Amino acid sequence: MAVLQRVPTSTAKTVTDNTPETSFFLRNEFLIRRVHSLLGIVPLGLYMVVHLTTNASFLTGTETFQRAVYLIHSPGELLPVIEWALIFAPLVFHAAIGIWISKTGRDNSQQYKFTSNRRYMLQRVTGVVALVFLFFHILHLHGWFHAEFWIDGVRALGFANFRPYNAGSTLAMAMNGYIWPTFYLIGVLSCVYHLANGLWTAGITWGLWISPAGQGRASKICVAFGAILAVISLTAWWAAVAPGDKDIAEMKKVEDRMHKVALEAGFIADMPEKQWVIESEGESNSSDAKADDSAKSDDDGGEKEAENLELSSPDGSGL
C-alpha cells in the first residue's frame, strides 16, 4: 500500500493547544494561512522561477543575460518601489507567518509514519535555510537598500557586489572562491524544494486535492516541477561560478559596449551607480576627454590663426 495515500488531520493542525485563544493569529488563522500559501506561489514562487530562468540564460552568453537584466531594470528609479511592493513585502509576511507556524507546530514525523509528514518536516527545515539564504543573498549582491550612504557602507564590508549594467562580470566576481558558491548551492536547492513541496501543501490548504488519489497525482506533478526547477537552478549556479578572470574581463568589454549603445538609444537610464567602473578606466577616460578637448582647442586655434592670416593677406587670396 502506498505511503502517500492519507494525510492525518493532525498534520494540518499545527497550533499548540496552549496558545491563547485570544491570539490574533488564532482568530484569523484560516485567512492568514491561505494568504501565506498564496503569497508563497504568487508573487514569490513565480518570481523565483523567472529569476532562476533569467540567471540560467547567462550560460548562453553575456549578451543574452545583459539584455534580460536591462529589461528588468528598465523602470529605473521606480524599481525599488516595485521590488518592495511585489517581492520584499510579501517575502517578509510569508517568512513571519512561516516562523510562527514552525514555532507553534508539532513534529508529526515520529508519530505518523507517512511520507507527507517527512515532507512537512523538510518543508520547515528548508524554510529556515531559505530565509537565511535569501537575507544574505540580497545583502551579498544588492545590499537590501539603494540609499547611497547605505550602499557605500555595505560595499565597504564586501556586500552589494552586483552591478546591473555589468551583470555577468560582477555576478561572476561575486561568486569567486568556495564559500559563496557552496552557500548559494545549498540555499538555492532549499528554495527549490520549499517551493515545489509548498505547491503540494498549498493545494491541500486550498482544497484543490483532498482525496488520497488526488494528492498522489499532485505529488507527482510537484516532484516533476521541482526536478525541472532544480536543473534550471543548477544551470544558473554553474553559469555564475564557472567563469575565470579572463572570461570576466571579456564580459566587461561586451557589457561596456552594450551599455554605450543602450544609453544612446535611451533604452536604459544613465545611473552610474549601476555600472562597474574601474578607477584606472575612469582616469583613462578622463585623460582621453582632456586630450580631445586639447586637440579641439588646438584645431580651433589653428583655424582662427588661418583666418587672421587670410585677412591680413594684401591681395585677399590668403596664403
C-alpha atoms as a PDB file:
ATOM      1  CA  MET A   1       0.000   0.000   0.000  1.00  0.00           C
ATOM      2  CA  ALA A   2       1.422   3.404  -0.972  1.00  0.00           C
ATOM      3  CA  VAL A   3       2.502   5.556   1.945  1.00  0.00           C
ATOM      4  CA  LEU A   4       1.145   8.723   0.369  1.00  0.00           C
ATOM      5  CA  GLN A   5      -2.485   7.733   0.431  1.00  0.00           C
ATOM      6  CA  ARG A   6      -3.558   9.645   3.522  1.00  0.00           C
ATOM      7  CA  VAL A   7      -2.664  12.843   5.309  1.00  0.00           C
ATOM      8  CA  PRO A   8      -3.614  12.754   9.005  1.00  0.00           C
ATOM      9  CA  THR A   9      -5.814  15.589  10.113  1.00  0.00           C
ATOM     10  CA  SER A  10      -3.361  16.423  12.912  1.00  0.00           C
ATOM     11  CA  THR A  11      -0.790  17.391  10.256  1.00  0.00           C
ATOM     12  CA  ALA A  12      -2.983  20.269   9.174  1.00  0.00           C
ATOM     13  CA  LYS A  13      -3.365  21.374  12.786  1.00  0.00           C
ATOM     14  CA  THR A  14       0.000  22.746  13.778  1.00  0.00           C
ATOM     15  CA  VAL A  15      -1.037  25.162  16.515  1.00  0.00           C
ATOM     16  CA  THR A  16      -0.301  24.010  20.041  1.00  0.00           C
ATOM     17  CA  ASP A  17      -3.158  23.757  22.481  1.00  0.00           C
ATOM     18  CA  ASN A  18      -1.576  26.175  24.955  1.00  0.00           C
ATOM     19  CA  THR A  19      -1.708  29.097  22.514  1.00  0.00           C
ATOM     20  CA  PRO A  20      -4.036  31.793  23.906  1.00  0.00           C
ATOM     21  CA  GLU A  21      -7.414  31.655  22.213  1.00  0.00           C
ATOM     22  CA  THR A  22      -7.467  35.436  22.085  1.00  0.00           C
ATOM     23  CA  SER A  23      -4.389  35.438  19.848  1.00  0.00           C
ATOM     24  CA  PHE A  24      -4.810  37.469  16.676  1.00  0.00           C
ATOM     25  CA  PHE A  25      -3.284  34.627  14.667  1.00  0.00           C
ATOM     26  CA  LEU A  26      -5.722  32.073  16.068  1.00  0.00           C
ATOM     27  CA  ARG A  27      -8.733  34.295  15.482  1.00  0.00           C
ATOM     28  CA  ASN A  28      -7.680  34.842  11.871  1.00  0.00           C
ATOM     29  CA  GLU A  29      -5.828  31.587  11.272  1.00  0.00           C
ATOM     30  CA  PHE A  30      -7.996  30.464   8.351  1.00  0.00           C
ATOM     31  CA  LEU A  31      -7.358  33.654   6.366  1.00  0.00           C
ATOM     32  CA  ILE A  32      -3.704  34.042   7.400  1.00  0.00           C
ATOM     33  CA  ARG A  33      -2.769  30.517   6.330  1.00  0.00           C
ATOM     34  CA  ARG A  34      -4.372  30.972   2.935  1.00  0.00           C
ATOM     35  CA  VAL A  35      -2.732  34.325   2.321  1.00  0.00           C
ATOM     36  CA  HIS A  36       0.559  32.786   3.453  1.00  0.00           C
ATOM     37  CA  SER A  37       0.291  29.900   0.992  1.00  0.00           C
ATOM     38  CA  LEU A  38      -0.946  32.150  -1.829  1.00  0.00           C
ATOM     39  CA  LEU A  39       1.948  34.611  -1.459  1.00  0.00           C
ATOM     40  CA  GLY A  40       4.364  31.688  -1.481  1.00  0.00           C
ATOM     41  CA  ILE A  41       3.183  30.897  -5.006  1.00  0.00           C
ATOM     42  CA  VAL A  42       2.285  34.353  -6.359  1.00  0.00           C
ATOM     43  CA  PRO A  43       4.303  36.501  -6.418  1.00  0.00           C
ATOM     44  CA  LEU A  44       7.215  34.784  -4.621  1.00  0.00           C
ATOM     45  CA  GLY A  45       7.198  31.423  -6.389  1.00  0.00           C
ATOM     46  CA  LEU A  46       6.546  32.983  -9.783  1.00  0.00           C
ATOM     47  CA  TYR A  47       9.354  35.487  -9.254  1.00  0.00           C
ATOM     48  CA  MET A  48      11.720  32.707  -8.218  1.00  0.00           C
ATOM     49  CA  VAL A  49      11.054  30.794 -11.451  1.00  0.00           C
ATOM     50  CA  VAL A  50      11.605  33.920 -13.567  1.00  0.00           C
ATOM     51  CA  HIS A  51      14.708  34.874 -11.575  1.00  0.00           C
ATOM     52  CA  LEU A  52      16.349  31.458 -11.902  1.00  0.00           C
ATOM     53  CA  THR A  53      15.456  31.197 -15.591  1.00  0.00           C
ATOM     54  CA  THR A  54      16.939  34.637 -16.254  1.00  0.00           C
ATOM     55  CA  ASN A  55      20.147  33.710 -14.449  1.00  0.00           C
ATOM     56  CA  ALA A  56      20.324  30.407 -16.318  1.00  0.00           C
ATOM     57  CA  SER A  57      20.334  32.387 -19.579  1.00  0.00           C
ATOM     58  CA  PHE A  58      23.789  33.593 -18.524  1.00  0.00           C
ATOM     59  CA  LEU A  59      25.120  30.242 -19.740  1.00  0.00           C
ATOM     60  CA  THR A  60      24.097  31.119 -23.311  1.00  0.00           C
ATOM     61  CA  GLY A  61      26.225  34.255 -23.368  1.00  0.00           C
ATOM     62  CA  THR A  62      26.920  37.641 -21.828  1.00  0.00           C
ATOM     63  CA  GLU A  63      24.705  39.497 -24.313  1.00  0.00           C
ATOM     64  CA  THR A  64      21.606  37.412 -23.595  1.00  0.00           C
ATOM     65  CA  PHE A  65      21.930  37.807 -19.847  1.00  0.00           C
ATOM     66  CA  GLN A  66      22.687  41.526 -20.043  1.00  0.00           C
ATOM     67  CA  ARG A  67      19.644  42.195 -22.246  1.00  0.00           C
ATOM     68  CA  ALA A  68      17.436  40.395 -19.725  1.00  0.00           C
ATOM     69  CA  VAL A  69      18.853  42.465 -16.857  1.00  0.00           C
ATOM     70  CA  TYR A  70      18.361  45.675 -18.865  1.00  0.00           C
ATOM     71  CA  LEU A  71      14.700  44.751 -19.272  1.00  0.00           C
ATOM     72  CA  ILE A  72      14.314  44.101 -15.537  1.00  0.00           C
ATOM     73  CA  HIS A  73      15.912  47.446 -14.664  1.00  0.00           C
ATOM     74  CA  SER A  74      14.052  49.430 -17.335  1.00  0.00           C
ATOM     75  CA  PRO A  75      11.686  51.004 -14.726  1.00  0.00           C
ATOM     76  CA  GLY A  76      14.702  52.981 -13.498  1.00  0.00           C
ATOM     77  CA  GLU A  77      14.099  54.795 -10.198  1.00  0.00           C
ATOM     78  CA  LEU A  78      10.708  53.088  -9.784  1.00  0.00           C
ATOM     79  CA  LEU A  79      12.344  49.673  -9.499  1.00  0.00           C
ATOM     80  CA  PRO A  80      12.910  49.819  -5.694  1.00  0.00           C
ATOM     81  CA  VAL A  81       9.206  50.587  -5.191  1.00  0.00           C
ATOM     82  CA  ILE A  82       8.237  47.639  -7.381  1.00  0.00           C
ATOM     83  CA  GLU A  83      10.708  45.363  -5.584  1.00  0.00           C
ATOM     84  CA  TRP A  84       9.372  46.191  -2.131  1.00  0.00           C
ATOM     85  CA  ALA A  85       5.723  46.042  -3.162  1.00  0.00           C
ATOM     86  CA  LEU A  86       5.857  42.783  -5.120  1.00  0.00           C
ATOM     87  CA  ILE A  87       8.829  40.913  -3.648  1.00  0.00           C
ATOM     88  CA  PHE A  88      10.218  42.067  -0.310  1.00  0.00           C
ATOM     89  CA  ALA A  89       6.948  42.916   1.478  1.00  0.00           C
ATOM     90  CA  PRO A  90       5.321  39.573   0.517  1.00  0.00           C
ATOM     91  CA  LEU A  91       8.574  37.819   1.471  1.00  0.00           C
ATOM     92  CA  VAL A  92       8.615  39.409   4.940  1.00  0.00           C
ATOM     93  CA  PHE A  93       4.968  38.448   5.526  1.00  0.00           C
ATOM     94  CA  HIS A  94       5.451  34.904   4.230  1.00  0.00           C
ATOM     95  CA  ALA A  95       8.582  34.441   6.356  1.00  0.00           C
ATOM     96  CA  ALA A  96       6.987  35.858   9.517  1.00  0.00           C
ATOM     97  CA  ILE A  97       3.937  33.607   9.262  1.00  0.00           C
ATOM     98  CA  GLY A  98       6.159  30.665   8.368  1.00  0.00           C
ATOM     99  CA  ILE A  99       8.205  31.222  11.528  1.00  0.00           C
ATOM    100  CA  TRP A 100       5.022  31.411  13.580  1.00  0.00           C
ATOM    101  CA  ILE A 101       3.754  28.148  12.092  1.00  0.00           C
ATOM    102  CA  SER A 102       7.121  26.494  12.665  1.00  0.00           C
ATOM    103  CA  LYS A 103       7.371  27.620  16.306  1.00  0.00           C
ATOM    104  CA  THR A 104       3.808  26.680  17.229  1.00  0.00           C
ATOM    105  CA  GLY A 105       3.719  23.465  15.224  1.00  0.00           C
ATOM    106  CA  ARG A 106       4.350  19.906  16.302  1.00  0.00           C
ATOM    107  CA  ASP A 107       6.633  17.464  14.520  1.00  0.00           C
ATOM    108  CA  ASN A 108       4.467  14.504  13.492  1.00  0.00           C
ATOM    109  CA  SER A 109       7.239  12.628  11.670  1.00  0.00           C
ATOM    110  CA  GLN A 110       7.717  10.137  14.514  1.00  0.00           C
ATOM    111  CA  GLN A 111       4.073   9.810  15.493  1.00  0.00           C
ATOM    112  CA  TYR A 112       2.879   9.143  11.932  1.00  0.00           C
ATOM    113  CA  LYS A 113       4.972   7.095   9.521  1.00  0.00           C
ATOM    114  CA  PHE A 114       3.757   8.879   6.417  1.00  0.00           C
ATOM    115  CA  THR A 115       5.842  10.382   3.640  1.00  0.00           C
ATOM    116  CA  SER A 116       3.694  13.506   3.903  1.00  0.00           C
ATOM    117  CA  ASN A 117       4.906  14.089   7.453  1.00  0.00           C
ATOM    118  CA  ARG A 118       8.542  13.727   6.412  1.00  0.00           C
ATOM    119  CA  ARG A 119       7.909  16.257   3.690  1.00  0.00           C
ATOM    120  CA  TYR A 120       6.246  18.552   6.209  1.00  0.00           C
ATOM    121  CA  MET A 121       9.324  18.403   8.431  1.00  0.00           C
ATOM    122  CA  LEU A 122      11.633  19.110   5.465  1.00  0.00           C
ATOM    123  CA  GLN A 123       9.364  21.975   4.478  1.00  0.00           C
ATOM    124  CA  ARG A 124      10.008  23.617   7.836  1.00  0.00           C
ATOM    125  CA  VAL A 125      13.764  22.978   7.709  1.00  0.00           C
ATOM    126  CA  THR A 126      14.185  24.244   4.146  1.00  0.00           C
ATOM    127  CA  GLY A 127      12.052  27.248   5.036  1.00  0.00           C
ATOM    128  CA  VAL A 128      14.553  28.290   7.705  1.00  0.00           C
ATOM    129  CA  VAL A 129      17.503  27.618   5.383  1.00  0.00           C
ATOM    130  CA  ALA A 130      15.813  29.566   2.579  1.00  0.00           C
ATOM    131  CA  LEU A 131      15.142  32.524   4.878  1.00  0.00           C
ATOM    132  CA  VAL A 132      18.797  32.745   5.963  1.00  0.00           C
ATOM    133  CA  PHE A 133      19.935  32.281   2.367  1.00  0.00           C
ATOM    134  CA  LEU A 134      17.669  34.988   0.953  1.00  0.00           C
ATOM    135  CA  PHE A 135      18.730  37.510   3.585  1.00  0.00           C
ATOM    136  CA  PHE A 136      22.423  37.089   2.793  1.00  0.00           C
ATOM    137  CA  HIS A 137      21.832  36.632  -0.945  1.00  0.00           C
ATOM    138  CA  ILE A 138      20.138  40.019  -1.195  1.00  0.00           C
ATOM    139  CA  LEU A 139      22.774  41.589   1.056  1.00  0.00           C
ATOM    140  CA  HIS A 140      25.646  39.962  -0.838  1.00  0.00           C
ATOM    141  CA  LEU A 141      24.550  41.098  -4.293  1.00  0.00           C
ATOM    142  CA  HIS A 142      22.209  44.062  -3.811  1.00  0.00           C
ATOM    143  CA  GLY A 143      22.713  45.390  -0.287  1.00  0.00           C
ATOM    144  CA  TRP A 144      18.946  45.473   0.505  1.00  0.00           C
ATOM    145  CA  PHE A 145      18.584  49.280   0.286  1.00  0.00           C
ATOM    146  CA  HIS A 146      19.519  51.671  -2.519  1.00  0.00           C
ATOM    147  CA  ALA A 147      20.377  54.761  -0.467  1.00  0.00           C
ATOM    148  CA  GLU A 148      23.870  55.966  -1.345  1.00  0.00           C
ATOM    149  CA  PHE A 149      25.134  56.150   2.241  1.00  0.00           C
ATOM    150  CA  TRP A 150      23.878  52.611   2.899  1.00  0.00           C
ATOM    151  CA  ILE A 151      25.341  51.159  -0.286  1.00  0.00           C
ATOM    152  CA  ASP A 152      28.724  52.742   0.409  1.00  0.00           C
ATOM    153  CA  GLY A 153      28.703  51.240   3.899  1.00  0.00           C
ATOM    154  CA  VAL A 154      27.793  47.685   2.909  1.00  0.00           C
ATOM    155  CA  ARG A 155      30.179  47.715  -0.049  1.00  0.00           C
ATOM    156  CA  ALA A 156      32.982  48.555   2.358  1.00  0.00           C
ATOM    157  CA  LEU A 157      32.050  45.323   4.168  1.00  0.00           C
ATOM    158  CA  GLY A 158      32.180  43.289   0.958  1.00  0.00           C
ATOM    159  CA  PHE A 159      28.462  43.262   0.115  1.00  0.00           C
ATOM    160  CA  ALA A 160      26.294  44.808  -2.644  1.00  0.00           C
ATOM    161  CA  ASN A 161      28.615  43.416  -5.312  1.00  0.00           C
ATOM    162  CA  PHE A 162      26.178  43.234  -8.231  1.00  0.00           C
ATOM    163  CA  ARG A 163      26.108  45.995 -10.861  1.00  0.00           C
ATOM    164  CA  PRO A 164      23.104  45.650 -13.207  1.00  0.00           C
ATOM    165  CA  TYR A 165      24.839  47.388 -16.127  1.00  0.00           C
ATOM    166  CA  ASN A 166      27.728  44.910 -15.810  1.00  0.00           C
ATOM    167  CA  ALA A 167      25.547  41.991 -14.812  1.00  0.00           C
ATOM    168  CA  GLY A 168      27.578  38.968 -15.873  1.00  0.00           C
ATOM    169  CA  SER A 169      31.039  40.160 -14.873  1.00  0.00           C
ATOM    170  CA  THR A 170      30.042  41.413 -11.419  1.00  0.00           C
ATOM    171  CA  LEU A 171      27.954  38.307 -10.709  1.00  0.00           C
ATOM    172  CA  ALA A 172      30.870  36.057 -11.628  1.00  0.00           C
ATOM    173  CA  MET A 173      33.254  38.124  -9.493  1.00  0.00           C
ATOM    174  CA  ALA A 174      30.889  37.894  -6.524  1.00  0.00           C
ATOM    175  CA  MET A 175      30.908  34.093  -6.829  1.00  0.00           C
ATOM    176  CA  ASN A 176      34.681  33.696  -6.647  1.00  0.00           C
ATOM    177  CA  GLY A 177      36.137  31.277  -4.128  1.00  0.00           C
ATOM    178  CA  TYR A 178      34.404  28.351  -2.430  1.00  0.00           C
ATOM    179  CA  ILE A 179      32.366  29.756   0.447  1.00  0.00           C
ATOM    180  CA  TRP A 180      29.794  31.771  -1.503  1.00  0.00           C
ATOM    181  CA  PRO A 181      29.277  29.161  -4.262  1.00  0.00           C
ATOM    182  CA  THR A 182      28.679  26.463  -1.624  1.00  0.00           C
ATOM    183  CA  PHE A 183      26.324  28.745   0.287  1.00  0.00           C
ATOM    184  CA  TYR A 184      24.368  29.502  -2.891  1.00  0.00           C
ATOM    185  CA  LEU A 185      24.160  25.854  -3.919  1.00  0.00           C
ATOM    186  CA  ILE A 186      22.631  24.814  -0.593  1.00  0.00           C
ATOM    187  CA  GLY A 187      20.381  27.865  -0.434  1.00  0.00           C
ATOM    188  CA  VAL A 188      19.013  27.654  -3.963  1.00  0.00           C
ATOM    189  CA  LEU A 189      18.235  23.934  -3.732  1.00  0.00           C
ATOM    190  CA  SER A 190      16.494  24.537  -0.397  1.00  0.00           C
ATOM    191  CA  CYS A 191      14.357  27.214  -2.057  1.00  0.00           C
ATOM    192  CA  VAL A 192      13.524  24.837  -4.904  1.00  0.00           C
ATOM    193  CA  TYR A 193      12.351  22.105  -2.522  1.00  0.00           C
ATOM    194  CA  HIS A 194      10.425  24.610  -0.407  1.00  0.00           C
ATOM    195  CA  LEU A 195       8.558  25.908  -3.459  1.00  0.00           C
ATOM    196  CA  ALA A 196       7.879  22.525  -5.076  1.00  0.00           C
ATOM    197  CA  ASN A 197       6.620  20.930  -1.868  1.00  0.00           C
ATOM    198  CA  GLY A 198       4.844  24.165  -0.977  1.00  0.00           C
ATOM    199  CA  LEU A 199       2.755  23.841  -4.135  1.00  0.00           C
ATOM    200  CA  TRP A 200       1.555  20.466  -2.914  1.00  0.00           C
ATOM    201  CA  THR A 201       0.700  21.685   0.591  1.00  0.00           C
ATOM    202  CA  ALA A 202      -0.936  24.823  -0.822  1.00  0.00           C
ATOM    203  CA  GLY A 203      -3.235  22.618  -2.882  1.00  0.00           C
ATOM    204  CA  ILE A 204      -4.288  20.850   0.310  1.00  0.00           C
ATOM    205  CA  THR A 205      -4.743  24.162   2.126  1.00  0.00           C
ATOM    206  CA  TRP A 206      -6.983  25.481  -0.640  1.00  0.00           C
ATOM    207  CA  GLY A 207      -8.839  22.178  -1.032  1.00  0.00           C
ATOM    208  CA  LEU A 208      -7.634  21.530  -4.586  1.00  0.00           C
ATOM    209  CA  TRP A 209      -6.659  17.923  -3.864  1.00  0.00           C
ATOM    210  CA  ILE A 210      -8.188  16.284  -0.816  1.00  0.00           C
ATOM    211  CA  SER A 211      -8.577  12.627  -1.750  1.00  0.00           C
ATOM    212  CA  PRO A 212      -5.572  10.271  -1.459  1.00  0.00           C
ATOM    213  CA  ALA A 213      -5.643   9.692  -5.226  1.00  0.00           C
ATOM    214  CA  GLY A 214      -5.702  13.417  -5.941  1.00  0.00           C
ATOM    215  CA  GLN A 215      -2.844  14.029  -3.539  1.00  0.00           C
ATOM    216  CA  GLY A 216      -0.846  11.274  -5.198  1.00  0.00           C
ATOM    217  CA  ARG A 217      -1.263  12.766  -8.672  1.00  0.00           C
ATOM    218  CA  ALA A 218      -0.473  16.253  -7.398  1.00  0.00           C
ATOM    219  CA  SER A 219       2.619  14.929  -5.661  1.00  0.00           C
ATOM    220  CA  LYS A 220       3.998  13.524  -8.908  1.00  0.00           C
ATOM    221  CA  ILE A 221       3.400  16.821 -10.696  1.00  0.00           C
ATOM    222  CA  CYS A 222       5.109  18.799  -7.926  1.00  0.00           C
ATOM    223  CA  VAL A 223       8.080  16.416  -7.893  1.00  0.00           C
ATOM    224  CA  ALA A 224       8.476  16.828 -11.663  1.00  0.00           C
ATOM    225  CA  PHE A 225       8.228  20.605 -11.325  1.00  0.00           C
ATOM    226  CA  GLY A 226      10.844  20.559  -8.568  1.00  0.00           C
ATOM    227  CA  ALA A 227      13.206  18.427 -10.648  1.00  0.00           C
ATOM    228  CA  ILE A 228      12.949  20.772 -13.642  1.00  0.00           C
ATOM    229  CA  LEU A 229      13.450  23.844 -11.465  1.00  0.00           C
ATOM    230  CA  ALA A 230      16.441  22.180  -9.791  1.00  0.00           C
ATOM    231  CA  VAL A 231      18.081  21.684 -13.197  1.00  0.00           C
ATOM    232  CA  ILE A 232      17.426  25.333 -14.062  1.00  0.00           C
ATOM    233  CA  SER A 233      18.853  26.481 -10.733  1.00  0.00           C
ATOM    234  CA  LEU A 234      21.984  24.341 -11.139  1.00  0.00           C
ATOM    235  CA  THR A 235      22.438  25.795 -14.624  1.00  0.00           C
ATOM    236  CA  ALA A 236      22.205  29.318 -13.205  1.00  0.00           C
ATOM    237  CA  TRP A 237      24.620  28.419 -10.406  1.00  0.00           C
ATOM    238  CA  TRP A 238      27.198  26.939 -12.777  1.00  0.00           C
ATOM    239  CA  ALA A 239      26.944  29.899 -15.161  1.00  0.00           C
ATOM    240  CA  ALA A 240      27.895  32.197 -12.275  1.00  0.00           C
ATOM    241  CA  VAL A 241      30.728  30.140 -10.751  1.00  0.00           C
ATOM    242  CA  ALA A 242      32.400  28.812 -13.910  1.00  0.00           C
ATOM    243  CA  PRO A 243      33.924  31.996 -15.466  1.00  0.00           C
ATOM    244  CA  GLY A 244      37.581  32.757 -14.777  1.00  0.00           C
ATOM    245  CA  ASP A 245      39.413  36.079 -14.668  1.00  0.00           C
ATOM    246  CA  LYS A 246      39.941  36.205 -18.445  1.00  0.00           C
ATOM    247  CA  ASP A 247      36.280  35.418 -19.050  1.00  0.00           C
ATOM    248  CA  ILE A 248      35.241  38.188 -16.671  1.00  0.00           C
ATOM    249  CA  ALA A 249      37.498  40.696 -18.447  1.00  0.00           C
ATOM    250  CA  GLU A 250      35.941  39.796 -21.807  1.00  0.00           C
ATOM    251  CA  MET A 251      32.457  40.035 -20.324  1.00  0.00           C
ATOM    252  CA  LYS A 252      33.137  43.549 -19.092  1.00  0.00           C
ATOM    253  CA  LYS A 253      34.228  44.669 -22.563  1.00  0.00           C
ATOM    254  CA  VAL A 254      30.999  43.337 -24.052  1.00  0.00           C
ATOM    255  CA  GLU A 255      28.897  44.876 -21.273  1.00  0.00           C
ATOM    256  CA  ASP A 256      30.540  48.299 -21.599  1.00  0.00           C
ATOM    257  CA  ARG A 257      29.917  48.264 -25.344  1.00  0.00           C
ATOM    258  CA  MET A 258      26.281  47.284 -24.807  1.00  0.00           C
ATOM    259  CA  HIS A 259      25.913  49.960 -22.130  1.00  0.00           C
ATOM    260  CA  LYS A 260      27.061  52.674 -24.518  1.00  0.00           C
ATOM    261  CA  VAL A 261      24.628  51.564 -27.225  1.00  0.00           C
ATOM    262  CA  ALA A 262      21.701  51.131 -24.807  1.00  0.00           C
ATOM    263  CA  LEU A 263      22.346  54.527 -23.237  1.00  0.00           C
ATOM    264  CA  GLU A 264      22.464  56.293 -26.597  1.00  0.00           C
ATOM    265  CA  ALA A 265      19.261  54.538 -27.672  1.00  0.00           C
ATOM    266  CA  GLY A 266      17.506  55.621 -24.477  1.00  0.00           C
ATOM    267  CA  PHE A 267      16.759  52.014 -23.519  1.00  0.00           C
ATOM    268  CA  ILE A 268      18.281  52.480 -20.054  1.00  0.00           C
ATOM    269  CA  ALA A 269      18.643  55.437 -17.712  1.00  0.00           C
ATOM    270  CA  ASP A 270      22.015  56.996 -17.002  1.00  0.00           C
ATOM    271  CA  MET A 271      22.621  55.628 -13.491  1.00  0.00           C
ATOM    272  CA  PRO A 272      26.380  55.376 -12.781  1.00  0.00           C
ATOM    273  CA  GLU A 273      25.775  53.500  -9.514  1.00  0.00           C
ATOM    274  CA  LYS A 274      24.568  50.543 -11.583  1.00  0.00           C
ATOM    275  CA  GLN A 275      27.790  50.320 -13.574  1.00  0.00           C
ATOM    276  CA  TRP A 276      31.121  48.777 -12.610  1.00  0.00           C
ATOM    277  CA  VAL A 277      33.788  51.372 -13.334  1.00  0.00           C
ATOM    278  CA  ILE A 278      37.433  50.589 -12.621  1.00  0.00           C
ATOM    279  CA  GLU A 279      39.323  53.622 -11.318  1.00  0.00           C
ATOM    280  CA  SER A 280      42.077  53.264 -13.893  1.00  0.00           C
ATOM    281  CA  GLU A 281      39.429  53.200 -16.613  1.00  0.00           C
ATOM    282  CA  GLY A 282      37.830  56.319 -15.212  1.00  0.00           C
ATOM    283  CA  GLU A 283      41.191  58.087 -15.140  1.00  0.00           C
ATOM    284  CA  SER A 284      41.896  56.905 -18.681  1.00  0.00           C
ATOM    285  CA  ASN A 285      38.528  58.144 -19.909  1.00  0.00           C
ATOM    286  CA  SER A 286      39.142  61.472 -18.191  1.00  0.00           C
ATOM    287  CA  SER A 287      42.574  61.760 -19.815  1.00  0.00           C
ATOM    288  CA  ASP A 288      41.106  60.902 -23.210  1.00  0.00           C
ATOM    289  CA  ALA A 289      38.437  63.563 -22.755  1.00  0.00           C
ATOM    290  CA  LYS A 290      41.055  66.152 -21.820  1.00  0.00           C
ATOM    291  CA  ALA A 291      43.148  65.144 -24.823  1.00  0.00           C
ATOM    292  CA  ASP A 292      40.120  65.508 -27.092  1.00  0.00           C
ATOM    293  CA  ASP A 293      39.373  68.947 -25.630  1.00  0.00           C
ATOM    294  CA  SER A 294      43.005  69.959 -26.073  1.00  0.00           C
ATOM    295  CA  ALA A 295      43.038  68.749 -29.676  1.00  0.00           C
ATOM    296  CA  LYS A 296      39.782  70.561 -30.369  1.00  0.00           C
ATOM    297  CA  SER A 297      41.215  73.714 -28.820  1.00  0.00           C
ATOM    298  CA  ASP A 298      44.327  73.417 -30.984  1.00  0.00           C
ATOM    299  CA  ASP A 299      42.171  72.935 -34.074  1.00  0.00           C
ATOM    300  CA  ASP A 300      40.079  75.983 -33.185  1.00  0.00           C
ATOM    301  CA  GLY A 301      43.233  77.984 -32.573  1.00  0.00           C
ATOM    302  CA  GLY A 302      44.667  76.863 -35.889  1.00  0.00           C
ATOM    303  CA  GLU A 303      41.510  77.835 -37.723  1.00  0.00           C
ATOM    304  CA  LYS A 304      41.463  81.273 -36.087  1.00  0.00           C
ATOM    305  CA  GLU A 305      45.128  81.766 -36.930  1.00  0.00           C
ATOM    306  CA  ALA A 306      44.454  80.803 -40.538  1.00  0.00           C
ATOM    307  CA  GLU A 307      41.558  83.253 -40.667  1.00  0.00           C
ATOM    308  CA  ASN A 308      43.762  86.031 -39.319  1.00  0.00           C
ATOM    309  CA  LEU A 309      46.450  85.220 -41.834  1.00  0.00           C
ATOM    310  CA  GLU A 310      43.914  85.231 -44.622  1.00  0.00           C
ATOM    311  CA  LEU A 311      42.520  88.567 -43.581  1.00  0.00           C
ATOM    312  CA  SER A 312      45.998  90.105 -43.420  1.00  0.00           C
ATOM    313  CA  SER A 313      46.931  88.977 -46.920  1.00  0.00           C
ATOM    314  CA  PRO A 314      47.383  92.036 -49.166  1.00  0.00           C
ATOM    315  CA  ASP A 315      45.725  90.506 -52.197  1.00  0.00           C
ATOM    316  CA  GLY A 316      42.941  88.858 -50.272  1.00  0.00           C
ATOM    317  CA  SER A 317      43.837  85.459 -51.611  1.00  0.00           C
ATOM    318  CA  GLY A 318      45.334  84.147 -48.398  1.00  0.00           C
ATOM    319  CA  LEU A 319      48.444  82.051 -48.064  1.00  0.00           C
END
